[in-house]
């Protein structure tokens, strides 16, 4: 799947970044471009400074301001959600280009997802393909059910789970879908527990919202394992074992 272009919303960007200096604007924008192209950022501060085209002192000065746009492990939920949408749009184009957009063969499905090794979403309706618009909740259930099924969770269980996650996040469908994709990419053995930990409301835990690394460590202590994940846009062919990043 090509990620040659990234959606950009100037009004949203300016609303969120009005307090940044010119140098901080440049650093933040370079970081989100790298995130889009690589599906994430490194944890190493020196590498982050190089990506931002900053010297070590410049990075030390700007780091905390820029870090406010990310989770504690440099995760960006908005970009994760946009990446999930990009996967879906790629799939929709494959459907529309096969037999008038009404059906596609197994071979076409395989070609569309070559190298991603993840479940094929159910086809969109012809009306959705024509308009290019699908309600967020419909997209969440359509893709979420398929992904959770690939993780061994049948639809009769996954649909109530997705509904509960929607309620817990205030109907933030994009965030829920991003968490489901992350569970698939990390190949967790207990996807519901992992996703619930990622989406846990701030008011129901001690301290700030639990980030991905903290959630993964806590689940590991409970016996949830993280194995080699299938090849994805993050991995080289064959996949790598997911290792937790050390906290400073």
C-alpha atoms as a PDB file:
ATOM      1  CA  UNK A   1       0.000   0.000   0.000  1.00  0.00           C
ATOM      2  CA  UNK A   2       1.385   3.403  -0.975  1.00  0.00           C
ATOM      3  CA  UNK A   3       1.629   6.058   1.732  1.00  0.00           C
ATOM      4  CA  UNK A   4       3.019   8.667  -0.646  1.00  0.00           C
ATOM      5  CA  UNK A   5       0.500  11.302   0.482  1.00  0.00           C
ATOM      6  CA  UNK A   6      -0.749  12.291   3.920  1.00  0.00           C
ATOM      7  CA  UNK A   7      -4.056  14.049   4.682  1.00  0.00           C
ATOM      8  CA  UNK A   8      -3.521  17.485   6.196  1.00  0.00           C
ATOM      9  CA  UNK A   9      -6.142  19.733   7.808  1.00  0.00           C
ATOM     10  CA  UNK A  10      -4.777  23.304   8.065  1.00  0.00           C
ATOM     11  CA  UNK A  11      -7.532  24.610  10.363  1.00  0.00           C
ATOM     12  CA  UNK A  12      -7.045  21.747  12.858  1.00  0.00           C
ATOM     13  CA  UNK A  13      -3.267  22.099  12.715  1.00  0.00           C
ATOM     14  CA  UNK A  14      -3.275  25.848  13.312  1.00  0.00           C
ATOM     15  CA  UNK A  15      -5.821  25.526  16.124  1.00  0.00           C
ATOM     16  CA  UNK A  16      -3.576  23.047  17.938  1.00  0.00           C
ATOM     17  CA  UNK A  17      -0.199  24.693  17.258  1.00  0.00           C
ATOM     18  CA  UNK A  18      -0.825  28.432  17.611  1.00  0.00           C
ATOM     19  CA  UNK A  19       1.546  28.626  20.583  1.00  0.00           C
ATOM     20  CA  UNK A  20       4.565  27.149  18.752  1.00  0.00           C
ATOM     21  CA  UNK A  21       7.561  29.125  17.570  1.00  0.00           C
ATOM     22  CA  UNK A  22       8.634  28.927  13.941  1.00  0.00           C
ATOM     23  CA  UNK A  23      11.363  26.444  14.850  1.00  0.00           C
ATOM     24  CA  UNK A  24       8.951  24.305  16.876  1.00  0.00           C
ATOM     25  CA  UNK A  25       6.500  24.289  13.961  1.00  0.00           C
ATOM     26  CA  UNK A  26       9.222  22.921  11.699  1.00  0.00           C
ATOM     27  CA  UNK A  27      10.314  20.289  14.196  1.00  0.00           C
ATOM     28  CA  UNK A  28       6.774  19.086  14.881  1.00  0.00           C
ATOM     29  CA  UNK A  29       5.901  18.908  11.211  1.00  0.00           C
ATOM     30  CA  UNK A  30       9.044  16.903  10.406  1.00  0.00           C
ATOM     31  CA  UNK A  31       8.197  14.502  13.222  1.00  0.00           C
ATOM     32  CA  UNK A  32       4.646  13.877  12.017  1.00  0.00           C
ATOM     33  CA  UNK A  33       5.897  13.369   8.449  1.00  0.00           C
ATOM     34  CA  UNK A  34       8.356  10.762   9.710  1.00  0.00           C
ATOM     35  CA  UNK A  35       5.567   9.172  11.781  1.00  0.00           C
ATOM     36  CA  UNK A  36       3.357   8.889   8.696  1.00  0.00           C
ATOM     37  CA  UNK A  37       6.060   7.357   6.517  1.00  0.00           C
ATOM     38  CA  UNK A  38       7.277   4.923   9.184  1.00  0.00           C
ATOM     39  CA  UNK A  39       4.118   4.355  11.275  1.00  0.00           C
ATOM     40  CA  UNK A  40       5.812   5.665  14.382  1.00  0.00           C
ATOM     41  CA  UNK A  41       8.793   7.446  15.914  1.00  0.00           C
ATOM     42  CA  UNK A  42      11.939   6.081  17.587  1.00  0.00           C
ATOM     43  CA  UNK A  43      12.285   6.368  21.348  1.00  0.00           C
ATOM     44  CA  UNK A  44      15.892   7.545  21.202  1.00  0.00           C
ATOM     45  CA  UNK A  45      16.063  11.279  21.913  1.00  0.00           C
ATOM     46  CA  UNK A  46      19.090  11.788  19.678  1.00  0.00           C
ATOM     47  CA  UNK A  47      17.265  10.226  16.744  1.00  0.00           C
ATOM     48  CA  UNK A  48      14.238  12.413  17.405  1.00  0.00           C
ATOM     49  CA  UNK A  49      16.448  15.496  17.403  1.00  0.00           C
ATOM     50  CA  UNK A  50      17.949  14.469  14.064  1.00  0.00           C
ATOM     51  CA  UNK A  51      14.511  13.875  12.565  1.00  0.00           C
ATOM     52  CA  UNK A  52      13.481  17.342  13.776  1.00  0.00           C
ATOM     53  CA  UNK A  53      16.696  18.830  12.303  1.00  0.00           C
ATOM     54  CA  UNK A  54      17.645  20.251  15.694  1.00  0.00           C
ATOM     55  CA  UNK A  55      20.869  20.394  17.657  1.00  0.00           C
ATOM     56  CA  UNK A  56      20.902  18.752  21.068  1.00  0.00           C
ATOM     57  CA  UNK A  57      20.442  22.083  22.924  1.00  0.00           C
ATOM     58  CA  UNK A  58      17.635  23.129  20.557  1.00  0.00           C
ATOM     59  CA  UNK A  59      15.883  19.809  21.098  1.00  0.00           C
ATOM     60  CA  UNK A  60      16.265  20.054  24.882  1.00  0.00           C
ATOM     61  CA  UNK A  61      14.565  23.456  24.770  1.00  0.00           C
ATOM     62  CA  UNK A  62      11.674  22.450  22.484  1.00  0.00           C
ATOM     63  CA  UNK A  63      11.199  18.824  23.491  1.00  0.00           C
ATOM     64  CA  UNK A  64       8.569  19.183  26.235  1.00  0.00           C
ATOM     65  CA  UNK A  65       6.436  21.538  24.152  1.00  0.00           C
ATOM     66  CA  UNK A  66       6.470  19.175  21.174  1.00  0.00           C
ATOM     67  CA  UNK A  67       5.957  16.091  23.353  1.00  0.00           C
ATOM     68  CA  UNK A  68       2.571  17.482  24.431  1.00  0.00           C
ATOM     69  CA  UNK A  69       1.219  16.480  20.997  1.00  0.00           C
ATOM     70  CA  UNK A  70       2.162  12.827  21.574  1.00  0.00           C
ATOM     71  CA  UNK A  71       1.499  10.098  24.107  1.00  0.00           C
ATOM     72  CA  UNK A  72       4.320   9.313  26.519  1.00  0.00           C
ATOM     73  CA  UNK A  73       5.792   6.726  24.134  1.00  0.00           C
ATOM     74  CA  UNK A  74       5.638   9.163  21.168  1.00  0.00           C
ATOM     75  CA  UNK A  75       2.396   7.628  19.902  1.00  0.00           C
ATOM     76  CA  UNK A  76       0.063   9.909  17.928  1.00  0.00           C
ATOM     77  CA  UNK A  77      -3.521   8.620  17.935  1.00  0.00           C
ATOM     78  CA  UNK A  78      -4.703  11.015  15.199  1.00  0.00           C
ATOM     79  CA  UNK A  79      -2.053   9.769  12.777  1.00  0.00           C
ATOM     80  CA  UNK A  80      -2.734   6.153  13.766  1.00  0.00           C
ATOM     81  CA  UNK A  81      -6.388   6.720  12.911  1.00  0.00           C
ATOM     82  CA  UNK A  82      -5.507   8.338   9.585  1.00  0.00           C
ATOM     83  CA  UNK A  83      -3.234   5.405   8.751  1.00  0.00           C
ATOM     84  CA  UNK A  84      -6.134   3.053   9.453  1.00  0.00           C
ATOM     85  CA  UNK A  85      -8.318   5.118   7.133  1.00  0.00           C
ATOM     86  CA  UNK A  86      -5.616   5.018   4.447  1.00  0.00           C
ATOM     87  CA  UNK A  87      -5.638   1.226   4.607  1.00  0.00           C
ATOM     88  CA  UNK A  88      -9.398   1.235   4.176  1.00  0.00           C
ATOM     89  CA  UNK A  89      -9.307   3.641   1.231  1.00  0.00           C
ATOM     90  CA  UNK A  90      -6.706   1.486  -0.446  1.00  0.00           C
ATOM     91  CA  UNK A  91      -9.019  -1.462   0.025  1.00  0.00           C
ATOM     92  CA  UNK A  92     -12.005   0.476  -1.348  1.00  0.00           C
ATOM     93  CA  UNK A  93     -10.054   1.386  -4.490  1.00  0.00           C
ATOM     94  CA  UNK A  94      -9.190  -2.269  -4.975  1.00  0.00           C
ATOM     95  CA  UNK A  95     -12.869  -3.180  -4.676  1.00  0.00           C
ATOM     96  CA  UNK A  96     -14.009  -0.432  -7.064  1.00  0.00           C
ATOM     97  CA  UNK A  97     -11.464  -1.504  -9.639  1.00  0.00           C
ATOM     98  CA  UNK A  98     -12.572  -5.143  -9.607  1.00  0.00           C
ATOM     99  CA  UNK A  99     -15.719  -6.105 -11.538  1.00  0.00           C
ATOM    100  CA  UNK A 100     -17.345  -2.709 -11.354  1.00  0.00           C
ATOM    101  CA  UNK A 101     -16.744  -2.361  -7.610  1.00  0.00           C
ATOM    102  CA  UNK A 102     -19.287  -5.074  -6.733  1.00  0.00           C
ATOM    103  CA  UNK A 103     -16.967  -8.062  -6.177  1.00  0.00           C
ATOM    104  CA  UNK A 104     -13.358  -9.138  -6.284  1.00  0.00           C
ATOM    105  CA  UNK A 105     -11.648 -12.460  -6.576  1.00  0.00           C
ATOM    106  CA  UNK A 106      -9.502 -14.065  -3.909  1.00  0.00           C
ATOM    107  CA  UNK A 107      -6.452 -13.388  -6.055  1.00  0.00           C
ATOM    108  CA  UNK A 108      -7.277  -9.681  -6.269  1.00  0.00           C
ATOM    109  CA  UNK A 109      -7.758  -9.591  -2.503  1.00  0.00           C
ATOM    110  CA  UNK A 110      -4.361 -11.196  -1.994  1.00  0.00           C
ATOM    111  CA  UNK A 111      -2.655  -8.713  -4.301  1.00  0.00           C
ATOM    112  CA  UNK A 112      -4.296  -5.732  -2.610  1.00  0.00           C
ATOM    113  CA  UNK A 113      -2.889  -6.759   0.772  1.00  0.00           C
ATOM    114  CA  UNK A 114       0.483  -8.178  -0.312  1.00  0.00           C
ATOM    115  CA  UNK A 115       2.955  -7.733   2.506  1.00  0.00           C
ATOM    116  CA  UNK A 116       0.391  -6.582   5.072  1.00  0.00           C
ATOM    117  CA  UNK A 117      -0.788 -10.036   6.169  1.00  0.00           C
ATOM    118  CA  UNK A 118      -3.922  -8.781   7.881  1.00  0.00           C
ATOM    119  CA  UNK A 119      -7.619  -9.638   7.529  1.00  0.00           C
ATOM    120  CA  UNK A 120      -9.600  -8.416   4.553  1.00  0.00           C
ATOM    121  CA  UNK A 121     -12.429  -6.038   5.535  1.00  0.00           C
ATOM    122  CA  UNK A 122     -15.905  -6.827   4.292  1.00  0.00           C
ATOM    123  CA  UNK A 123     -16.702  -5.014   1.015  1.00  0.00           C
ATOM    124  CA  UNK A 124     -18.197  -1.567   1.211  1.00  0.00           C
ATOM    125  CA  UNK A 125     -21.602  -0.977  -0.289  1.00  0.00           C
ATOM    126  CA  UNK A 126     -21.675   0.406  -3.835  1.00  0.00           C
ATOM    127  CA  UNK A 127     -23.214   3.608  -2.414  1.00  0.00           C
ATOM    128  CA  UNK A 128     -20.332   4.066   0.040  1.00  0.00           C
ATOM    129  CA  UNK A 129     -17.785   3.522  -2.708  1.00  0.00           C
ATOM    130  CA  UNK A 130     -19.515   6.022  -4.958  1.00  0.00           C
ATOM    131  CA  UNK A 131     -19.712   8.715  -2.274  1.00  0.00           C
ATOM    132  CA  UNK A 132     -16.359   7.971  -0.653  1.00  0.00           C
ATOM    133  CA  UNK A 133     -18.007   8.476   2.752  1.00  0.00           C
ATOM    134  CA  UNK A 134     -18.808   5.892   5.407  1.00  0.00           C
ATOM    135  CA  UNK A 135     -20.101   6.722   8.897  1.00  0.00           C
ATOM    136  CA  UNK A 136     -17.288   6.375  11.476  1.00  0.00           C
ATOM    137  CA  UNK A 137     -19.247   3.870  13.564  1.00  0.00           C
ATOM    138  CA  UNK A 138     -19.962   1.714  10.508  1.00  0.00           C
ATOM    139  CA  UNK A 139     -16.283   1.717   9.576  1.00  0.00           C
ATOM    140  CA  UNK A 140     -15.296   0.853  13.150  1.00  0.00           C
ATOM    141  CA  UNK A 141     -17.600  -2.161  13.336  1.00  0.00           C
ATOM    142  CA  UNK A 142     -16.831  -3.335   9.782  1.00  0.00           C
ATOM    143  CA  UNK A 143     -13.053  -3.296  10.220  1.00  0.00           C
ATOM    144  CA  UNK A 144     -12.971  -3.978  13.952  1.00  0.00           C
ATOM    145  CA  UNK A 145     -15.017  -7.161  13.716  1.00  0.00           C
ATOM    146  CA  UNK A 146     -12.780  -8.457  10.914  1.00  0.00           C
ATOM    147  CA  UNK A 147      -9.534  -7.717  12.770  1.00  0.00           C
ATOM    148  CA  UNK A 148     -10.730  -9.154  16.076  1.00  0.00           C
ATOM    149  CA  UNK A 149     -11.945 -12.259  14.253  1.00  0.00           C
ATOM    150  CA  UNK A 150      -8.382 -12.737  12.975  1.00  0.00           C
ATOM    151  CA  UNK A 151      -7.253 -12.578  16.613  1.00  0.00           C
ATOM    152  CA  UNK A 152      -9.633 -15.400  17.566  1.00  0.00           C
ATOM    153  CA  UNK A 153     -12.560 -13.322  18.850  1.00  0.00           C
ATOM    154  CA  UNK A 154     -15.882 -14.238  17.175  1.00  0.00           C
ATOM    155  CA  UNK A 155     -18.318 -11.573  16.037  1.00  0.00           C
ATOM    156  CA  UNK A 156     -20.848 -12.338  18.789  1.00  0.00           C
ATOM    157  CA  UNK A 157     -18.181 -11.303  21.316  1.00  0.00           C
ATOM    158  CA  UNK A 158     -16.425  -8.567  19.371  1.00  0.00           C
ATOM    159  CA  UNK A 159     -19.483  -6.426  18.615  1.00  0.00           C
ATOM    160  CA  UNK A 160     -20.418  -5.878  22.297  1.00  0.00           C
ATOM    161  CA  UNK A 161     -16.749  -5.160  23.057  1.00  0.00           C
ATOM    162  CA  UNK A 162     -16.537  -2.534  20.321  1.00  0.00           C
ATOM    163  CA  UNK A 163     -19.756  -0.967  21.572  1.00  0.00           C
ATOM    164  CA  UNK A 164     -18.356  -0.767  25.109  1.00  0.00           C
ATOM    165  CA  UNK A 165     -15.085   0.775  23.866  1.00  0.00           C
ATOM    166  CA  UNK A 166     -17.086   3.390  21.951  1.00  0.00           C
ATOM    167  CA  UNK A 167     -18.925   4.348  25.129  1.00  0.00           C
ATOM    168  CA  UNK A 168     -15.723   4.424  27.191  1.00  0.00           C
ATOM    169  CA  UNK A 169     -14.077   6.842  24.733  1.00  0.00           C
ATOM    170  CA  UNK A 170     -17.082   9.094  24.254  1.00  0.00           C
ATOM    171  CA  UNK A 171     -17.807   7.629  20.790  1.00  0.00           C
ATOM    172  CA  UNK A 172     -14.253   8.278  19.552  1.00  0.00           C
ATOM    173  CA  UNK A 173     -14.440   5.696  16.762  1.00  0.00           C
ATOM    174  CA  UNK A 174     -11.083   6.651  15.240  1.00  0.00           C
ATOM    175  CA  UNK A 175      -9.245   6.074  18.528  1.00  0.00           C
ATOM    176  CA  UNK A 176     -10.929   2.717  19.101  1.00  0.00           C
ATOM    177  CA  UNK A 177     -10.045   1.558  15.589  1.00  0.00           C
ATOM    178  CA  UNK A 178      -6.437   2.686  16.028  1.00  0.00           C
ATOM    179  CA  UNK A 179      -6.203   0.662  19.268  1.00  0.00           C
ATOM    180  CA  UNK A 180      -7.613  -2.426  17.514  1.00  0.00           C
ATOM    181  CA  UNK A 181      -5.040  -2.074  14.733  1.00  0.00           C
ATOM    182  CA  UNK A 182      -2.279  -1.700  17.332  1.00  0.00           C
ATOM    183  CA  UNK A 183      -3.352  -4.907  19.089  1.00  0.00           C
ATOM    184  CA  UNK A 184      -3.158  -6.715  15.752  1.00  0.00           C
ATOM    185  CA  UNK A 185       0.262  -5.287  14.884  1.00  0.00           C
ATOM    186  CA  UNK A 186       1.694  -6.223  18.298  1.00  0.00           C
ATOM    187  CA  UNK A 187       0.184  -9.740  18.099  1.00  0.00           C
ATOM    188  CA  UNK A 188      -0.983  -9.686  21.717  1.00  0.00           C
ATOM    189  CA  UNK A 189      -2.398 -12.892  23.160  1.00  0.00           C
ATOM    190  CA  UNK A 190      -5.248 -11.085  24.944  1.00  0.00           C
ATOM    191  CA  UNK A 191      -6.418  -8.383  22.543  1.00  0.00           C
ATOM    192  CA  UNK A 192      -9.522  -7.296  24.553  1.00  0.00           C
ATOM    193  CA  UNK A 193      -7.470  -6.657  27.699  1.00  0.00           C
ATOM    194  CA  UNK A 194      -4.799  -4.810  25.724  1.00  0.00           C
ATOM    195  CA  UNK A 195      -7.306  -2.591  23.883  1.00  0.00           C
ATOM    196  CA  UNK A 196      -9.253  -1.889  27.085  1.00  0.00           C
ATOM    197  CA  UNK A 197      -6.020  -0.799  28.798  1.00  0.00           C
ATOM    198  CA  UNK A 198      -5.155   1.542  25.913  1.00  0.00           C
ATOM    199  CA  UNK A 199      -8.604   3.132  25.971  1.00  0.00           C
ATOM    200  CA  UNK A 200      -9.108   3.199  29.740  1.00  0.00           C
ATOM    201  CA  UNK A 201     -10.740   6.506  30.800  1.00  0.00           C
ATOM    202  CA  UNK A 202      -8.520   8.792  32.831  1.00  0.00           C
ATOM    203  CA  UNK A 203     -10.992   9.006  35.685  1.00  0.00           C
ATOM    204  CA  UNK A 204     -10.847   5.231  36.311  1.00  0.00           C
ATOM    205  CA  UNK A 205      -7.142   4.917  37.019  1.00  0.00           C
ATOM    206  CA  UNK A 206      -4.524   6.417  39.299  1.00  0.00           C
ATOM    207  CA  UNK A 207      -2.482   9.116  37.616  1.00  0.00           C
ATOM    208  CA  UNK A 208      -2.369  10.189  33.964  1.00  0.00           C
ATOM    209  CA  UNK A 209      -3.857   8.209  31.116  1.00  0.00           C
ATOM    210  CA  UNK A 210      -2.014   4.919  30.707  1.00  0.00           C
ATOM    211  CA  UNK A 211       0.246   4.924  27.666  1.00  0.00           C
ATOM    212  CA  UNK A 212       1.055   2.034  25.369  1.00  0.00           C
ATOM    213  CA  UNK A 213       4.331   1.047  27.057  1.00  0.00           C
ATOM    214  CA  UNK A 214       2.805   1.134  30.547  1.00  0.00           C
ATOM    215  CA  UNK A 215      -0.211  -0.861  29.387  1.00  0.00           C
ATOM    216  CA  UNK A 216       1.994  -3.440  27.689  1.00  0.00           C
ATOM    217  CA  UNK A 217       4.176  -3.871  30.772  1.00  0.00           C
ATOM    218  CA  UNK A 218       1.170  -4.236  33.050  1.00  0.00           C
ATOM    219  CA  UNK A 219      -0.434  -6.787  30.764  1.00  0.00           C
ATOM    220  CA  UNK A 220       2.856  -8.653  30.545  1.00  0.00           C
ATOM    221  CA  UNK A 221       2.863  -8.986  34.317  1.00  0.00           C
ATOM    222  CA  UNK A 222      -0.607 -10.543  34.017  1.00  0.00           C
ATOM    223  CA  UNK A 223       0.649 -13.174  31.601  1.00  0.00           C
ATOM    224  CA  UNK A 224      -0.276 -11.531  28.295  1.00  0.00           C
ATOM    225  CA  UNK A 225       2.426 -12.381  25.779  1.00  0.00           C
ATOM    226  CA  UNK A 226       3.730 -10.404  22.812  1.00  0.00           C
ATOM    227  CA  UNK A 227       4.985 -12.581  20.002  1.00  0.00           C
ATOM    228  CA  UNK A 228       6.271 -12.074  16.505  1.00  0.00           C
ATOM    229  CA  UNK A 229       3.673 -10.035  14.676  1.00  0.00           C
ATOM    230  CA  UNK A 230       2.845 -10.574  11.008  1.00  0.00           C
ATOM    231  CA  UNK A 231       4.517  -8.470   8.329  1.00  0.00           C
ATOM    232  CA  UNK A 232       3.012  -5.004   8.209  1.00  0.00           C
ATOM    233  CA  UNK A 233       3.825  -1.507   7.088  1.00  0.00           C
ATOM    234  CA  UNK A 234       6.115  -1.294  10.114  1.00  0.00           C
ATOM    235  CA  UNK A 235       8.052  -4.498   9.607  1.00  0.00           C
ATOM    236  CA  UNK A 236      10.532  -6.001   7.259  1.00  0.00           C
ATOM    237  CA  UNK A 237       9.234  -9.184   5.593  1.00  0.00           C
ATOM    238  CA  UNK A 238       8.868 -11.886   8.216  1.00  0.00           C
ATOM    239  CA  UNK A 239       8.173  -9.562  11.132  1.00  0.00           C
ATOM    240  CA  UNK A 240      10.102  -8.900  14.314  1.00  0.00           C
ATOM    241  CA  UNK A 241       9.533  -9.666  17.970  1.00  0.00           C
ATOM    242  CA  UNK A 242       7.995  -6.658  19.696  1.00  0.00           C
ATOM    243  CA  UNK A 243      10.212  -5.400  22.490  1.00  0.00           C
ATOM    244  CA  UNK A 244       9.101  -2.885  25.098  1.00  0.00           C
ATOM    245  CA  UNK A 245      11.062   0.366  25.095  1.00  0.00           C
ATOM    246  CA  UNK A 246      12.835   1.242  28.358  1.00  0.00           C
ATOM    247  CA  UNK A 247      11.494   4.225  30.235  1.00  0.00           C
ATOM    248  CA  UNK A 248      13.878   7.045  31.149  1.00  0.00           C
END
